């Protein structure tokens, strides 16, 4: 059963957790040869600019 108590979390904590998770995922994908940091940066730019990935 899940508790219905509210938990308060600061935005900074959420941001840090999100950053750590994304960093870990990107590092794993890079270690496994699935993509590079350059691929990530290029995809981020495409998403930001609303472009389809090439």
C-alpha atoms as a PDB file:
ATOM      1  CA  UNK A   1       0.000   0.000   0.000  1.00  0.00           C
ATOM      2  CA  UNK A   2       1.303   3.463  -0.928  1.00  0.00           C
ATOM      3  CA  UNK A   3       1.347   6.143   1.758  1.00  0.00           C
ATOM      4  CA  UNK A   4      -0.838   9.167   1.035  1.00  0.00           C
ATOM      5  CA  UNK A   5       1.384  11.531   3.020  1.00  0.00           C
ATOM      6  CA  UNK A   6       2.714  14.517   1.117  1.00  0.00           C
ATOM      7  CA  UNK A   7       6.443  14.821   0.714  1.00  0.00           C
ATOM      8  CA  UNK A   8       7.990  18.226   0.174  1.00  0.00           C
ATOM      9  CA  UNK A   9      11.023  18.377  -2.076  1.00  0.00           C
ATOM     10  CA  UNK A  10      12.955  21.475  -3.054  1.00  0.00           C
ATOM     11  CA  UNK A  11      13.338  22.341  -6.729  1.00  0.00           C
ATOM     12  CA  UNK A  12      17.115  22.149  -6.306  1.00  0.00           C
ATOM     13  CA  UNK A  13      16.850  18.541  -5.105  1.00  0.00           C
ATOM     14  CA  UNK A  14      14.674  17.600  -8.061  1.00  0.00           C
ATOM     15  CA  UNK A  15      17.044  19.312 -10.460  1.00  0.00           C
ATOM     16  CA  UNK A  16      20.077  17.562  -8.995  1.00  0.00           C
ATOM     17  CA  UNK A  17      18.369  14.156  -9.094  1.00  0.00           C
ATOM     18  CA  UNK A  18      17.268  14.721 -12.679  1.00  0.00           C
ATOM     19  CA  UNK A  19      20.771  15.778 -13.713  1.00  0.00           C
ATOM     20  CA  UNK A  20      22.383  12.769 -12.041  1.00  0.00           C
ATOM     21  CA  UNK A  21      19.943  10.363 -13.691  1.00  0.00           C
ATOM     22  CA  UNK A  22      20.446  11.854 -17.146  1.00  0.00           C
ATOM     23  CA  UNK A  23      24.212  11.886 -16.742  1.00  0.00           C
ATOM     24  CA  UNK A  24      24.232   8.228 -15.710  1.00  0.00           C
ATOM     25  CA  UNK A  25      22.038   7.222 -18.658  1.00  0.00           C
ATOM     26  CA  UNK A  26      24.156   9.121 -21.188  1.00  0.00           C
ATOM     27  CA  UNK A  27      27.374   7.662 -19.749  1.00  0.00           C
ATOM     28  CA  UNK A  28      26.000   4.122 -19.969  1.00  0.00           C
ATOM     29  CA  UNK A  29      24.857   4.606 -23.558  1.00  0.00           C
ATOM     30  CA  UNK A  30      28.249   6.054 -24.456  1.00  0.00           C
ATOM     31  CA  UNK A  31      30.141   3.215 -22.715  1.00  0.00           C
ATOM     32  CA  UNK A  32      28.089   0.690 -24.680  1.00  0.00           C
ATOM     33  CA  UNK A  33      28.817   2.429 -27.978  1.00  0.00           C
ATOM     34  CA  UNK A  34      25.191   3.347 -28.599  1.00  0.00           C
ATOM     35  CA  UNK A  35      25.792   7.097 -28.830  1.00  0.00           C
ATOM     36  CA  UNK A  36      28.323   9.815 -28.052  1.00  0.00           C
ATOM     37  CA  UNK A  37      28.204  13.054 -26.105  1.00  0.00           C
ATOM     38  CA  UNK A  38      28.205  14.820 -29.474  1.00  0.00           C
ATOM     39  CA  UNK A  39      25.047  12.895 -30.443  1.00  0.00           C
ATOM     40  CA  UNK A  40      23.372  14.069 -27.241  1.00  0.00           C
ATOM     41  CA  UNK A  41      24.304  17.710 -27.774  1.00  0.00           C
ATOM     42  CA  UNK A  42      23.117  17.613 -31.387  1.00  0.00           C
ATOM     43  CA  UNK A  43      19.809  16.028 -30.380  1.00  0.00           C
ATOM     44  CA  UNK A  44      19.324  18.597 -27.617  1.00  0.00           C
ATOM     45  CA  UNK A  45      19.834  21.397 -30.152  1.00  0.00           C
ATOM     46  CA  UNK A  46      17.356  19.789 -32.544  1.00  0.00           C
ATOM     47  CA  UNK A  47      14.735  19.389 -29.810  1.00  0.00           C
ATOM     48  CA  UNK A  48      15.279  22.960 -28.629  1.00  0.00           C
ATOM     49  CA  UNK A  49      14.908  24.280 -32.170  1.00  0.00           C
ATOM     50  CA  UNK A  50      11.902  22.091 -32.932  1.00  0.00           C
ATOM     51  CA  UNK A  51      13.709  20.312 -35.765  1.00  0.00           C
ATOM     52  CA  UNK A  52      13.510  16.685 -36.720  1.00  0.00           C
ATOM     53  CA  UNK A  53      16.733  14.779 -36.007  1.00  0.00           C
ATOM     54  CA  UNK A  54      18.900  14.054 -39.034  1.00  0.00           C
END
